[in-house]
Amino acid sequence: MKREDLKQVLQIMREEYPKWHAPIVKLIAQKRRDPLSALLCALLSTRTKDETTAQVCERFLKRVKSPTDILQMELEELQKLIYPVGFYRSKARQLKELARQIVEDFGGNVPDRLEDLLKLKGVGRKVANIVLAEGFGKPAIAVDVHVHRISNRWGLVRTKTPQETEMALMEVLPPEEWRDYNRLLVAFGQTICKPVKPRCWECPIRDWCDYYNIKTSKKL
């Protein structure tokens, strides 16, 4: 895929996005409530299916409106509240420490700078960028397994790690596309461009994809 093709490719994906009914859709609705929601849902989603995370986040955010709500909750109650997300026991302890940091170090507000978000317990670059993009509406590229895999499968970047992919995409994508990129590629990866046996026959952008073009040429 060439850089100049991106605008057309992303426009097609935006048009197709509602048809995919991807699990990510409900989760994004939870993340976009406010920065705290974006942060909590992003942390809960690690190593957990989006369908499960969306259900847990909806229940969780009815109880938790501020970091203080987490601090005042007993650990066992918090564990039950976020079950069955993956590693819910360790995540409950993580949330306790995270809430303490936000209250003590940031006056009870989720910070809006990458370097500050990375100081929070359990927050890496992917989660931090999700918070910036979904919670604060700032230009940021959250690179997860879907974004890393598909960007390389397209031939748009040639990288070995998610952080390398993030840096490469920042060079390729205009800033106004950064926020949407994760949403589109995650939905695409969950439904069409799967890790194993991608559904190339129904892919709306296959003509621009290096993987598809190479695979097709080998059959000729």
N, C-alpha and C. Protein backbone atom coordinates (compact mmCIF):
# COMPACT_ATOMS: atom_id res chain seq x y z
N MET A 1 0.85 -1.20 0.00
CA MET A 1 0.00 0.00 0.00
C MET A 1 0.88 1.24 0.00
N LYS A 2 0.52 2.19 -0.84
CA LYS A 2 1.27 3.42 -0.92
C LYS A 2 0.65 4.49 -0.02
N ARG A 3 1.50 5.38 0.42
CA ARG A 3 1.05 6.45 1.32
C ARG A 3 -0.08 7.26 0.69
N GLU A 4 0.01 7.49 -0.61
CA GLU A 4 -1.00 8.32 -1.28
C GLU A 4 -2.36 7.61 -1.40
N ASP A 5 -2.38 6.31 -1.14
CA ASP A 5 -3.64 5.55 -1.19
C ASP A 5 -4.44 5.63 0.10
N LEU A 6 -3.79 6.08 1.16
CA LEU A 6 -4.39 6.01 2.48
C LEU A 6 -5.71 6.76 2.62
N LYS A 7 -5.77 7.94 2.07
CA LYS A 7 -6.98 8.74 2.21
C LYS A 7 -8.18 7.99 1.65
N GLN A 8 -8.03 7.41 0.48
CA GLN A 8 -9.12 6.66 -0.14
C GLN A 8 -9.44 5.39 0.64
N VAL A 9 -8.40 4.69 1.08
CA VAL A 9 -8.59 3.45 1.85
C VAL A 9 -9.35 3.72 3.14
N LEU A 10 -8.95 4.73 3.89
CA LEU A 10 -9.59 5.03 5.16
C LEU A 10 -11.02 5.52 4.96
N GLN A 11 -11.28 6.22 3.88
CA GLN A 11 -12.65 6.65 3.60
C GLN A 11 -13.54 5.45 3.32
N ILE A 12 -13.03 4.49 2.57
CA ILE A 12 -13.80 3.26 2.31
C ILE A 12 -14.06 2.52 3.62
N MET A 13 -13.07 2.46 4.48
CA MET A 13 -13.23 1.76 5.75
C MET A 13 -14.27 2.44 6.65
N ARG A 14 -14.29 3.77 6.63
CA ARG A 14 -15.31 4.48 7.41
C ARG A 14 -16.72 4.15 6.91
N GLU A 15 -16.85 4.05 5.60
CA GLU A 15 -18.16 3.72 5.03
C GLU A 15 -18.58 2.29 5.36
N GLU A 16 -17.61 1.37 5.42
CA GLU A 16 -17.89 -0.04 5.67
C GLU A 16 -18.02 -0.36 7.16
N TYR A 17 -17.43 0.47 7.99
CA TYR A 17 -17.35 0.23 9.44
C TYR A 17 -18.69 -0.18 10.08
N PRO A 18 -19.80 0.52 9.80
CA PRO A 18 -21.07 0.14 10.44
C PRO A 18 -21.56 -1.26 10.07
N LYS A 19 -21.14 -1.76 8.92
CA LYS A 19 -21.59 -3.07 8.46
C LYS A 19 -20.89 -4.22 9.18
N TRP A 20 -19.75 -3.94 9.78
CA TRP A 20 -18.95 -5.02 10.37
C TRP A 20 -19.50 -5.52 11.71
N HIS A 21 -20.22 -4.66 12.43
CA HIS A 21 -20.77 -5.04 13.75
C HIS A 21 -19.67 -5.62 14.64
N ALA A 22 -18.57 -4.94 14.69
CA ALA A 22 -17.41 -5.43 15.43
C ALA A 22 -17.61 -5.24 16.94
N PRO A 23 -17.03 -6.13 17.74
CA PRO A 23 -17.14 -6.01 19.20
C PRO A 23 -16.59 -4.70 19.76
N ILE A 24 -15.63 -4.09 19.06
CA ILE A 24 -15.01 -2.86 19.55
C ILE A 24 -16.00 -1.71 19.64
N VAL A 25 -17.09 -1.75 18.88
CA VAL A 25 -18.01 -0.61 18.78
C VAL A 25 -18.61 -0.26 20.14
N LYS A 26 -19.13 -1.25 20.86
CA LYS A 26 -19.74 -0.99 22.16
C LYS A 26 -18.71 -0.52 23.18
N LEU A 27 -17.50 -1.06 23.09
CA LEU A 27 -16.46 -0.66 24.03
C LEU A 27 -16.05 0.79 23.82
N ILE A 28 -15.95 1.22 22.58
CA ILE A 28 -15.59 2.62 22.29
C ILE A 28 -16.64 3.58 22.84
N ALA A 29 -17.89 3.17 22.79
CA ALA A 29 -18.96 4.01 23.34
C ALA A 29 -18.74 4.27 24.82
N GLN A 30 -18.22 3.28 25.53
CA GLN A 30 -17.93 3.45 26.95
C GLN A 30 -16.71 4.36 27.15
N LYS A 31 -15.69 4.17 26.31
CA LYS A 31 -14.45 4.93 26.46
C LYS A 31 -14.64 6.42 26.21
N ARG A 32 -15.60 6.77 25.39
CA ARG A 32 -15.73 8.17 24.98
C ARG A 32 -16.57 9.01 25.94
N ARG A 33 -16.95 8.43 27.06
CA ARG A 33 -17.73 9.22 28.03
C ARG A 33 -16.90 10.36 28.61
N ASP A 34 -15.69 10.05 29.04
CA ASP A 34 -14.80 11.02 29.66
C ASP A 34 -13.42 10.37 29.82
N PRO A 35 -12.38 11.14 30.19
CA PRO A 35 -11.03 10.58 30.30
C PRO A 35 -10.91 9.42 31.30
N LEU A 36 -11.60 9.51 32.43
CA LEU A 36 -11.53 8.42 33.41
C LEU A 36 -12.12 7.14 32.84
N SER A 37 -13.24 7.23 32.17
CA SER A 37 -13.86 6.07 31.54
C SER A 37 -12.93 5.46 30.51
N ALA A 38 -12.29 6.31 29.69
CA ALA A 38 -11.37 5.82 28.68
C ALA A 38 -10.21 5.07 29.32
N LEU A 39 -9.69 5.62 30.40
CA LEU A 39 -8.56 4.99 31.09
C LEU A 39 -8.96 3.66 31.72
N LEU A 40 -10.05 3.63 32.45
CA LEU A 40 -10.47 2.42 33.14
C LEU A 40 -10.83 1.31 32.16
N CYS A 41 -11.57 1.65 31.11
CA CYS A 41 -11.96 0.63 30.13
C CYS A 41 -10.76 0.10 29.36
N ALA A 42 -9.81 0.98 29.06
CA ALA A 42 -8.61 0.54 28.35
C ALA A 42 -7.81 -0.44 29.19
N LEU A 43 -7.71 -0.17 30.48
CA LEU A 43 -6.98 -1.08 31.36
C LEU A 43 -7.71 -2.41 31.53
N LEU A 44 -9.01 -2.36 31.67
CA LEU A 44 -9.78 -3.59 31.83
C LEU A 44 -9.77 -4.44 30.57
N SER A 45 -9.58 -3.81 29.42
CA SER A 45 -9.67 -4.53 28.15
C SER A 45 -8.44 -5.38 27.84
N THR A 46 -7.32 -5.13 28.53
CA THR A 46 -6.11 -5.89 28.23
C THR A 46 -6.33 -7.37 28.54
N ARG A 47 -5.97 -8.21 27.58
CA ARG A 47 -6.10 -9.67 27.68
C ARG A 47 -7.55 -10.10 27.94
N THR A 48 -8.48 -9.35 27.39
CA THR A 48 -9.91 -9.65 27.55
C THR A 48 -10.62 -9.34 26.25
N LYS A 49 -11.57 -10.16 25.87
CA LYS A 49 -12.34 -9.90 24.65
C LYS A 49 -13.15 -8.62 24.81
N ASP A 50 -13.30 -7.89 23.73
CA ASP A 50 -14.01 -6.61 23.77
C ASP A 50 -15.47 -6.78 24.20
N GLU A 51 -16.10 -7.90 23.81
CA GLU A 51 -17.49 -8.13 24.20
C GLU A 51 -17.62 -8.16 25.72
N THR A 52 -16.69 -8.88 26.36
CA THR A 52 -16.68 -9.00 27.82
C THR A 52 -16.37 -7.67 28.47
N THR A 53 -15.35 -6.98 27.95
CA THR A 53 -14.95 -5.70 28.53
C THR A 53 -16.08 -4.68 28.46
N ALA A 54 -16.79 -4.63 27.35
CA ALA A 54 -17.89 -3.66 27.19
C ALA A 54 -18.97 -3.90 28.25
N GLN A 55 -19.31 -5.15 28.50
CA GLN A 55 -20.33 -5.48 29.50
C GLN A 55 -19.87 -5.10 30.90
N VAL A 56 -18.61 -5.42 31.20
CA VAL A 56 -18.06 -5.10 32.52
C VAL A 56 -17.96 -3.59 32.71
N CYS A 57 -17.50 -2.88 31.69
CA CYS A 57 -17.34 -1.43 31.79
C CYS A 57 -18.69 -0.74 32.02
N GLU A 58 -19.71 -1.20 31.35
CA GLU A 58 -21.04 -0.60 31.53
C GLU A 58 -21.48 -0.73 32.98
N ARG A 59 -21.28 -1.90 33.56
CA ARG A 59 -21.64 -2.13 34.96
C ARG A 59 -20.71 -1.34 35.90
N PHE A 60 -19.43 -1.38 35.60
CA PHE A 60 -18.41 -0.75 36.44
C PHE A 60 -18.59 0.77 36.51
N LEU A 61 -18.87 1.39 35.37
CA LEU A 61 -18.97 2.85 35.33
C LEU A 61 -20.26 3.38 35.94
N LYS A 62 -21.20 2.50 36.19
CA LYS A 62 -22.40 2.92 36.94
C LYS A 62 -22.06 3.14 38.41
N ARG A 63 -21.04 2.42 38.89
CA ARG A 63 -20.62 2.53 40.29
C ARG A 63 -19.48 3.52 40.48
N VAL A 64 -18.62 3.62 39.50
CA VAL A 64 -17.40 4.41 39.64
C VAL A 64 -17.50 5.70 38.83
N LYS A 65 -17.56 6.82 39.53
CA LYS A 65 -17.64 8.12 38.87
C LYS A 65 -16.37 8.95 39.09
N SER A 66 -15.52 8.49 40.00
CA SER A 66 -14.29 9.21 40.31
C SER A 66 -13.27 8.23 40.89
N PRO A 67 -11.99 8.59 40.91
CA PRO A 67 -10.98 7.71 41.52
C PRO A 67 -11.27 7.43 42.99
N THR A 68 -11.90 8.37 43.68
CA THR A 68 -12.23 8.18 45.09
C THR A 68 -13.18 7.01 45.29
N ASP A 69 -14.08 6.81 44.35
CA ASP A 69 -15.02 5.68 44.45
C ASP A 69 -14.26 4.35 44.49
N ILE A 70 -13.18 4.27 43.74
CA ILE A 70 -12.36 3.05 43.74
C ILE A 70 -11.63 2.90 45.06
N LEU A 71 -11.10 3.98 45.57
CA LEU A 71 -10.36 3.93 46.83
C LEU A 71 -11.25 3.53 47.99
N GLN A 72 -12.49 3.94 47.96
CA GLN A 72 -13.41 3.64 49.05
C GLN A 72 -14.00 2.23 48.98
N MET A 73 -13.79 1.55 47.89
CA MET A 73 -14.35 0.21 47.69
C MET A 73 -13.41 -0.86 48.25
N GLU A 74 -13.97 -1.85 48.90
CA GLU A 74 -13.17 -2.98 49.36
C GLU A 74 -12.61 -3.73 48.16
N LEU A 75 -11.41 -4.29 48.33
CA LEU A 75 -10.76 -4.98 47.23
C LEU A 75 -11.61 -6.13 46.70
N GLU A 76 -12.21 -6.91 47.58
CA GLU A 76 -13.04 -8.03 47.14
C GLU A 76 -14.26 -7.56 46.35
N GLU A 77 -14.83 -6.44 46.77
CA GLU A 77 -15.98 -5.89 46.05
C GLU A 77 -15.56 -5.44 44.66
N LEU A 78 -14.40 -4.82 44.59
CA LEU A 78 -13.87 -4.36 43.31
C LEU A 78 -13.60 -5.54 42.38
N GLN A 79 -13.05 -6.60 42.91
CA GLN A 79 -12.79 -7.81 42.13
C GLN A 79 -14.08 -8.38 41.55
N LYS A 80 -15.10 -8.45 42.36
CA LYS A 80 -16.39 -8.96 41.89
C LYS A 80 -17.00 -8.07 40.82
N LEU A 81 -16.78 -6.76 40.96
CA LEU A 81 -17.36 -5.80 40.04
C LEU A 81 -16.76 -5.91 38.64
N ILE A 82 -15.46 -6.22 38.56
CA ILE A 82 -14.81 -6.28 37.26
C ILE A 82 -14.69 -7.70 36.70
N TYR A 83 -15.11 -8.68 37.47
CA TYR A 83 -15.14 -10.06 36.97
C TYR A 83 -16.16 -10.15 35.83
N PRO A 84 -15.92 -10.84 34.71
CA PRO A 84 -14.84 -11.81 34.45
C PRO A 84 -13.73 -11.31 33.53
N VAL A 85 -13.30 -10.06 33.61
CA VAL A 85 -12.17 -9.64 32.78
C VAL A 85 -10.94 -10.47 33.14
N GLY A 86 -10.03 -10.60 32.20
CA GLY A 86 -8.83 -11.37 32.46
C GLY A 86 -7.99 -10.78 33.58
N PHE A 87 -7.47 -11.66 34.44
CA PHE A 87 -6.61 -11.25 35.55
C PHE A 87 -7.30 -10.23 36.45
N TYR A 88 -8.56 -10.48 36.74
CA TYR A 88 -9.36 -9.48 37.47
C TYR A 88 -8.82 -9.21 38.87
N ARG A 89 -8.22 -10.19 39.51
CA ARG A 89 -7.67 -9.96 40.86
C ARG A 89 -6.50 -8.97 40.81
N SER A 90 -5.56 -9.22 39.92
CA SER A 90 -4.42 -8.30 39.82
C SER A 90 -4.85 -6.94 39.28
N LYS A 91 -5.85 -6.92 38.39
CA LYS A 91 -6.33 -5.64 37.87
C LYS A 91 -7.02 -4.83 38.96
N ALA A 92 -7.69 -5.49 39.88
CA ALA A 92 -8.33 -4.77 40.99
C ALA A 92 -7.27 -4.07 41.84
N ARG A 93 -6.18 -4.76 42.13
CA ARG A 93 -5.09 -4.14 42.90
C ARG A 93 -4.47 -2.99 42.10
N GLN A 94 -4.33 -3.21 40.81
CA GLN A 94 -3.79 -2.18 39.92
C GLN A 94 -4.66 -0.94 39.93
N LEU A 95 -5.97 -1.12 39.87
CA LEU A 95 -6.91 0.00 39.87
C LEU A 95 -6.84 0.79 41.17
N LYS A 96 -6.63 0.08 42.29
CA LYS A 96 -6.48 0.76 43.58
C LYS A 96 -5.28 1.71 43.56
N GLU A 97 -4.14 1.19 43.09
CA GLU A 97 -2.93 2.00 43.05
C GLU A 97 -3.08 3.15 42.04
N LEU A 98 -3.70 2.86 40.93
CA LEU A 98 -3.94 3.88 39.91
C LEU A 98 -4.79 5.01 40.47
N ALA A 99 -5.85 4.67 41.16
CA ALA A 99 -6.74 5.68 41.74
C ALA A 99 -5.98 6.53 42.76
N ARG A 100 -5.14 5.88 43.56
CA ARG A 100 -4.35 6.62 44.56
C ARG A 100 -3.43 7.63 43.87
N GLN A 101 -2.77 7.20 42.81
CA GLN A 101 -1.87 8.09 42.08
C GLN A 101 -2.62 9.29 41.50
N ILE A 102 -3.78 9.03 40.92
CA ILE A 102 -4.54 10.13 40.32
C ILE A 102 -4.95 11.15 41.37
N VAL A 103 -5.37 10.66 42.52
CA VAL A 103 -5.80 11.55 43.59
C VAL A 103 -4.62 12.31 44.19
N GLU A 104 -3.55 11.60 44.50
CA GLU A 104 -2.43 12.21 45.21
C GLU A 104 -1.50 13.01 44.30
N ASP A 105 -1.31 12.54 43.07
CA ASP A 105 -0.32 13.19 42.19
C ASP A 105 -0.93 14.13 41.15
N PHE A 106 -2.23 13.95 40.87
CA PHE A 106 -2.83 14.75 39.80
C PHE A 106 -4.15 15.41 40.22
N GLY A 107 -4.34 15.57 41.51
CA GLY A 107 -5.50 16.31 42.01
C GLY A 107 -6.84 15.68 41.68
N GLY A 108 -6.84 14.36 41.45
CA GLY A 108 -8.09 13.65 41.18
C GLY A 108 -8.50 13.64 39.73
N ASN A 109 -7.68 14.23 38.86
CA ASN A 109 -8.00 14.28 37.43
C ASN A 109 -7.03 13.43 36.62
N VAL A 110 -7.55 12.74 35.62
CA VAL A 110 -6.70 11.97 34.72
C VAL A 110 -5.82 12.94 33.95
N PRO A 111 -4.51 12.75 33.97
CA PRO A 111 -3.62 13.68 33.24
C PRO A 111 -3.82 13.58 31.74
N ASP A 112 -3.54 14.68 31.04
CA ASP A 112 -3.77 14.72 29.60
C ASP A 112 -2.48 14.81 28.80
N ARG A 113 -1.35 14.42 29.41
CA ARG A 113 -0.08 14.38 28.71
C ARG A 113 0.45 12.95 28.72
N LEU A 114 1.02 12.54 27.61
CA LEU A 114 1.53 11.17 27.48
C LEU A 114 2.51 10.82 28.58
N GLU A 115 3.45 11.71 28.85
CA GLU A 115 4.48 11.41 29.85
C GLU A 115 3.90 11.24 31.25
N ASP A 116 2.81 11.95 31.56
CA ASP A 116 2.17 11.78 32.86
C ASP A 116 1.34 10.51 32.92
N LEU A 117 0.65 10.20 31.85
CA LEU A 117 -0.14 8.97 31.80
C LEU A 117 0.74 7.75 31.98
N LEU A 118 1.94 7.80 31.43
CA LEU A 118 2.86 6.66 31.52
C LEU A 118 3.39 6.45 32.94
N LYS A 119 3.18 7.41 33.81
CA LYS A 119 3.59 7.26 35.21
C LYS A 119 2.57 6.45 36.02
N LEU A 120 1.38 6.29 35.47
CA LEU A 120 0.30 5.60 36.20
C LEU A 120 0.50 4.10 36.16
N LYS A 121 0.08 3.44 37.23
CA LYS A 121 0.22 2.00 37.38
C LYS A 121 -0.44 1.24 36.23
N GLY A 122 0.36 0.41 35.54
CA GLY A 122 -0.19 -0.44 34.50
C GLY A 122 -0.43 0.22 33.16
N VAL A 123 -0.07 1.49 33.03
CA VAL A 123 -0.33 2.23 31.78
C VAL A 123 0.90 2.22 30.89
N GLY A 124 0.76 1.61 29.71
CA GLY A 124 1.79 1.65 28.69
C GLY A 124 1.38 2.59 27.57
N ARG A 125 2.12 2.60 26.51
CA ARG A 125 1.88 3.55 25.42
C ARG A 125 0.51 3.33 24.78
N LYS A 126 0.11 2.07 24.59
CA LYS A 126 -1.18 1.81 23.94
C LYS A 126 -2.32 2.41 24.76
N VAL A 127 -2.34 2.10 26.05
CA VAL A 127 -3.42 2.62 26.92
C VAL A 127 -3.36 4.14 26.98
N ALA A 128 -2.17 4.68 27.13
CA ALA A 128 -2.03 6.13 27.22
C ALA A 128 -2.57 6.82 25.97
N ASN A 129 -2.25 6.27 24.81
CA ASN A 129 -2.73 6.86 23.56
C ASN A 129 -4.24 6.70 23.39
N ILE A 130 -4.79 5.60 23.89
CA ILE A 130 -6.26 5.44 23.86
C ILE A 130 -6.91 6.53 24.69
N VAL A 131 -6.35 6.82 25.85
CA VAL A 131 -6.91 7.86 26.72
C VAL A 131 -6.83 9.22 26.04
N LEU A 132 -5.70 9.52 25.45
CA LEU A 132 -5.55 10.81 24.75
C LEU A 132 -6.55 10.93 23.60
N ALA A 133 -6.70 9.85 22.83
CA ALA A 133 -7.56 9.89 21.65
C ALA A 133 -9.04 9.84 22.02
N GLU A 134 -9.42 8.85 22.83
CA GLU A 134 -10.83 8.64 23.14
C GLU A 134 -11.33 9.51 24.28
N GLY A 135 -10.47 9.75 25.26
CA GLY A 135 -10.90 10.52 26.43
C GLY A 135 -10.77 12.02 26.28
N PHE A 136 -9.69 12.45 25.60
CA PHE A 136 -9.42 13.89 25.47
C PHE A 136 -9.61 14.41 24.04
N GLY A 137 -9.80 13.51 23.08
CA GLY A 137 -9.98 13.94 21.70
C GLY A 137 -8.71 14.51 21.08
N LYS A 138 -7.55 14.09 21.60
CA LYS A 138 -6.28 14.58 21.07
C LYS A 138 -5.76 13.62 20.00
N PRO A 139 -4.97 14.13 19.05
CA PRO A 139 -4.38 13.23 18.05
C PRO A 139 -3.38 12.28 18.68
N ALA A 140 -3.65 10.99 18.60
CA ALA A 140 -2.76 9.97 19.14
C ALA A 140 -3.07 8.66 18.43
N ILE A 141 -2.05 7.84 18.23
CA ILE A 141 -2.22 6.55 17.56
C ILE A 141 -2.01 5.43 18.56
N ALA A 142 -3.07 4.74 18.92
CA ALA A 142 -2.97 3.60 19.83
C ALA A 142 -2.69 2.35 19.00
N VAL A 143 -1.54 1.73 19.23
CA VAL A 143 -1.15 0.57 18.44
C VAL A 143 -1.33 -0.70 19.27
N ASP A 144 -2.31 -1.51 18.89
CA ASP A 144 -2.50 -2.82 19.51
C ASP A 144 -2.12 -3.88 18.48
N VAL A 145 -2.46 -5.15 18.77
CA VAL A 145 -2.07 -6.23 17.87
C VAL A 145 -2.70 -6.08 16.48
N HIS A 146 -3.92 -5.58 16.42
CA HIS A 146 -4.58 -5.40 15.12
C HIS A 146 -3.89 -4.32 14.29
N VAL A 147 -3.64 -3.19 14.91
CA VAL A 147 -3.01 -2.07 14.20
C VAL A 147 -1.61 -2.46 13.72
N HIS A 148 -0.86 -3.12 14.59
CA HIS A 148 0.50 -3.54 14.24
C HIS A 148 0.48 -4.55 13.10
N ARG A 149 -0.38 -5.56 13.21
CA ARG A 149 -0.44 -6.62 12.20
C ARG A 149 -0.92 -6.11 10.85
N ILE A 150 -2.03 -5.37 10.85
CA ILE A 150 -2.64 -4.96 9.59
C ILE A 150 -1.79 -3.91 8.87
N SER A 151 -1.22 -2.99 9.60
CA SER A 151 -0.37 -1.97 8.98
C SER A 151 0.80 -2.61 8.25
N ASN A 152 1.35 -3.68 8.85
CA ASN A 152 2.44 -4.41 8.20
C ASN A 152 1.92 -5.30 7.08
N ARG A 153 0.76 -5.89 7.27
CA ARG A 153 0.18 -6.74 6.23
C ARG A 153 -0.13 -5.92 4.98
N TRP A 154 -0.60 -4.72 5.16
CA TRP A 154 -0.84 -3.83 4.03
C TRP A 154 0.44 -3.47 3.29
N GLY A 155 1.56 -3.45 4.04
CA GLY A 155 2.81 -2.95 3.48
C GLY A 155 2.98 -1.47 3.71
N LEU A 156 2.11 -0.90 4.55
CA LEU A 156 2.19 0.53 4.84
C LEU A 156 3.42 0.85 5.68
N VAL A 157 3.74 -0.04 6.60
CA VAL A 157 4.96 0.06 7.40
C VAL A 157 5.63 -1.31 7.40
N ARG A 158 6.89 -1.32 7.79
CA ARG A 158 7.61 -2.59 7.94
C ARG A 158 8.34 -2.53 9.27
N THR A 159 7.66 -2.96 10.31
CA THR A 159 8.16 -2.81 11.66
C THR A 159 8.05 -4.13 12.43
N LYS A 160 8.79 -4.22 13.53
CA LYS A 160 8.81 -5.45 14.31
C LYS A 160 8.10 -5.33 15.66
N THR A 161 7.92 -4.13 16.15
CA THR A 161 7.29 -3.94 17.46
C THR A 161 6.18 -2.89 17.36
N PRO A 162 5.20 -2.94 18.28
CA PRO A 162 4.15 -1.92 18.29
C PRO A 162 4.68 -0.49 18.40
N GLN A 163 5.72 -0.29 19.22
CA GLN A 163 6.25 1.07 19.35
C GLN A 163 6.88 1.54 18.03
N GLU A 164 7.58 0.64 17.34
CA GLU A 164 8.11 0.99 16.03
C GLU A 164 6.98 1.34 15.07
N THR A 165 5.88 0.58 15.16
CA THR A 165 4.73 0.85 14.30
C THR A 165 4.14 2.22 14.60
N GLU A 166 4.01 2.54 15.88
CA GLU A 166 3.48 3.85 16.26
C GLU A 166 4.31 4.98 15.66
N MET A 167 5.64 4.88 15.81
CA MET A 167 6.52 5.93 15.29
C MET A 167 6.43 6.01 13.76
N ALA A 168 6.37 4.85 13.11
CA ALA A 168 6.30 4.84 11.64
C ALA A 168 4.98 5.42 11.14
N LEU A 169 3.89 5.08 11.82
CA LEU A 169 2.58 5.59 11.41
C LEU A 169 2.48 7.10 11.59
N MET A 170 3.15 7.62 12.60
CA MET A 170 3.13 9.07 12.81
C MET A 170 3.79 9.81 11.65
N GLU A 171 4.68 9.12 10.95
CA GLU A 171 5.32 9.71 9.77
C GLU A 171 4.44 9.59 8.53
N VAL A 172 3.63 8.53 8.50
CA VAL A 172 2.84 8.24 7.31
C VAL A 172 1.46 8.89 7.35
N LEU A 173 0.82 8.84 8.51
CA LEU A 173 -0.56 9.34 8.63
C LEU A 173 -0.59 10.83 8.98
N PRO A 174 -1.47 11.60 8.36
CA PRO A 174 -1.66 12.99 8.80
C PRO A 174 -2.30 12.99 10.20
N PRO A 175 -1.98 13.94 11.06
CA PRO A 175 -2.48 13.95 12.43
C PRO A 175 -4.00 13.85 12.55
N GLU A 176 -4.73 14.38 11.57
CA GLU A 176 -6.20 14.33 11.66
C GLU A 176 -6.74 12.90 11.50
N GLU A 177 -5.90 11.97 11.07
CA GLU A 177 -6.32 10.57 10.92
C GLU A 177 -5.92 9.71 12.12
N TRP A 178 -5.10 10.23 13.01
CA TRP A 178 -4.55 9.41 14.09
C TRP A 178 -5.62 8.82 15.00
N ARG A 179 -6.57 9.61 15.41
CA ARG A 179 -7.58 9.15 16.37
C ARG A 179 -8.41 8.00 15.83
N ASP A 180 -8.80 8.10 14.57
CA ASP A 180 -9.70 7.10 13.97
C ASP A 180 -9.00 5.81 13.58
N TYR A 181 -7.70 5.88 13.43
CA TYR A 181 -6.97 4.74 12.86
C TYR A 181 -7.14 3.48 13.70
N ASN A 182 -7.00 3.59 15.00
CA ASN A 182 -7.15 2.41 15.87
C ASN A 182 -8.56 1.83 15.78
N ARG A 183 -9.56 2.69 15.88
CA ARG A 183 -10.96 2.24 15.83
C ARG A 183 -11.24 1.47 14.54
N LEU A 184 -10.81 2.01 13.43
CA LEU A 184 -11.09 1.38 12.14
C LEU A 184 -10.35 0.05 11.98
N LEU A 185 -9.07 0.04 12.36
CA LEU A 185 -8.29 -1.18 12.14
C LEU A 185 -8.65 -2.29 13.12
N VAL A 186 -9.03 -1.93 14.34
CA VAL A 186 -9.46 -2.97 15.28
C VAL A 186 -10.74 -3.63 14.78
N ALA A 187 -11.71 -2.82 14.38
CA ALA A 187 -12.96 -3.38 13.85
C ALA A 187 -12.70 -4.22 12.60
N PHE A 188 -11.83 -3.74 11.75
CA PHE A 188 -11.45 -4.45 10.53
C PHE A 188 -10.76 -5.78 10.86
N GLY A 189 -9.88 -5.74 11.85
CA GLY A 189 -9.15 -6.94 12.24
C GLY A 189 -10.01 -7.97 12.95
N GLN A 190 -11.05 -7.52 13.63
CA GLN A 190 -11.95 -8.43 14.34
C GLN A 190 -12.91 -9.15 13.40
N THR A 191 -13.14 -8.57 12.24
CA THR A 191 -14.19 -9.11 11.37
C THR A 191 -13.72 -9.56 9.99
N ILE A 192 -12.80 -8.83 9.39
CA ILE A 192 -12.36 -9.12 8.02
C ILE A 192 -10.91 -9.58 7.97
N CYS A 193 -10.02 -8.72 8.40
CA CYS A 193 -8.57 -8.98 8.29
C CYS A 193 -8.06 -9.73 9.52
N LYS A 194 -8.53 -10.94 9.70
CA LYS A 194 -8.23 -11.73 10.89
C LYS A 194 -6.78 -12.24 10.85
N PRO A 195 -6.23 -12.55 12.03
CA PRO A 195 -4.83 -13.00 12.07
C PRO A 195 -4.59 -14.25 11.23
N VAL A 196 -5.50 -15.20 11.33
CA VAL A 196 -5.41 -16.45 10.57
C VAL A 196 -6.59 -16.50 9.59
N LYS A 197 -6.29 -16.84 8.36
CA LYS A 197 -7.30 -16.93 7.32
C LYS A 197 -8.11 -15.64 7.17
N PRO A 198 -7.45 -14.54 6.84
CA PRO A 198 -8.18 -13.28 6.60
C PRO A 198 -9.20 -13.45 5.48
N ARG A 199 -10.30 -12.76 5.59
CA ARG A 199 -11.41 -12.91 4.65
C ARG A 199 -11.20 -11.98 3.45
N CYS A 200 -10.15 -12.25 2.71
CA CYS A 200 -9.77 -11.38 1.58
C CYS A 200 -10.86 -11.28 0.52
N TRP A 201 -11.63 -12.35 0.34
CA TRP A 201 -12.64 -12.36 -0.71
C TRP A 201 -13.75 -11.33 -0.48
N GLU A 202 -13.91 -10.86 0.78
CA GLU A 202 -14.92 -9.85 1.04
C GLU A 202 -14.32 -8.53 1.53
N CYS A 203 -13.01 -8.41 1.39
CA CYS A 203 -12.32 -7.19 1.84
C CYS A 203 -12.54 -6.06 0.84
N PRO A 204 -13.01 -4.89 1.29
CA PRO A 204 -13.30 -3.79 0.38
C PRO A 204 -12.05 -3.04 -0.10
N ILE A 205 -10.90 -3.34 0.51
CA ILE A 205 -9.68 -2.60 0.13
C ILE A 205 -8.57 -3.54 -0.31
N ARG A 206 -8.92 -4.75 -0.71
CA ARG A 206 -7.90 -5.75 -1.04
C ARG A 206 -6.99 -5.32 -2.18
N ASP A 207 -7.51 -4.51 -3.10
CA ASP A 207 -6.70 -4.11 -4.25
C ASP A 207 -5.49 -3.28 -3.85
N TRP A 208 -5.54 -2.67 -2.68
CA TRP A 208 -4.43 -1.84 -2.21
C TRP A 208 -3.49 -2.61 -1.25
N CYS A 209 -3.84 -3.84 -0.93
CA CYS A 209 -3.14 -4.59 0.11
C CYS A 209 -1.98 -5.41 -0.46
N ASP A 210 -0.79 -5.23 0.09
CA ASP A 210 0.38 -5.99 -0.37
C ASP A 210 0.19 -7.49 -0.15
N TYR A 211 -0.36 -7.84 1.00
CA TYR A 211 -0.55 -9.26 1.34
C TYR A 211 -1.43 -9.93 0.29
N TYR A 212 -2.54 -9.31 -0.04
CA TYR A 212 -3.47 -9.89 -1.02
C TYR A 212 -2.85 -9.95 -2.40
N ASN A 213 -2.17 -8.91 -2.80
CA ASN A 213 -1.57 -8.86 -4.13
C ASN A 213 -0.44 -9.89 -4.29
N ILE A 214 0.33 -10.08 -3.24
CA ILE A 214 1.40 -11.08 -3.28
C ILE A 214 0.79 -12.49 -3.32
N LYS A 215 -0.22 -12.70 -2.48
CA LYS A 215 -0.88 -14.01 -2.44
C LYS A 215 -1.52 -14.34 -3.79
N THR A 216 -2.14 -13.35 -4.41
CA THR A 216 -2.80 -13.55 -5.70
C THR A 216 -1.78 -13.84 -6.82
N SER A 217 -0.67 -13.12 -6.80
CA SER A 217 0.34 -13.30 -7.84
C SER A 217 0.98 -14.68 -7.78
N LYS A 218 1.05 -15.26 -6.60
CA LYS A 218 1.65 -16.59 -6.45
C LYS A 218 0.76 -17.68 -7.07
N LYS A 219 -0.54 -17.37 -7.19
CA LYS A 219 -1.46 -18.36 -7.75
C LYS A 219 -1.46 -18.35 -9.28
N LEU A 220 -0.90 -17.28 -9.83
CA LEU A 220 -0.91 -17.15 -11.29
C LEU A 220 0.15 -18.02 -11.97
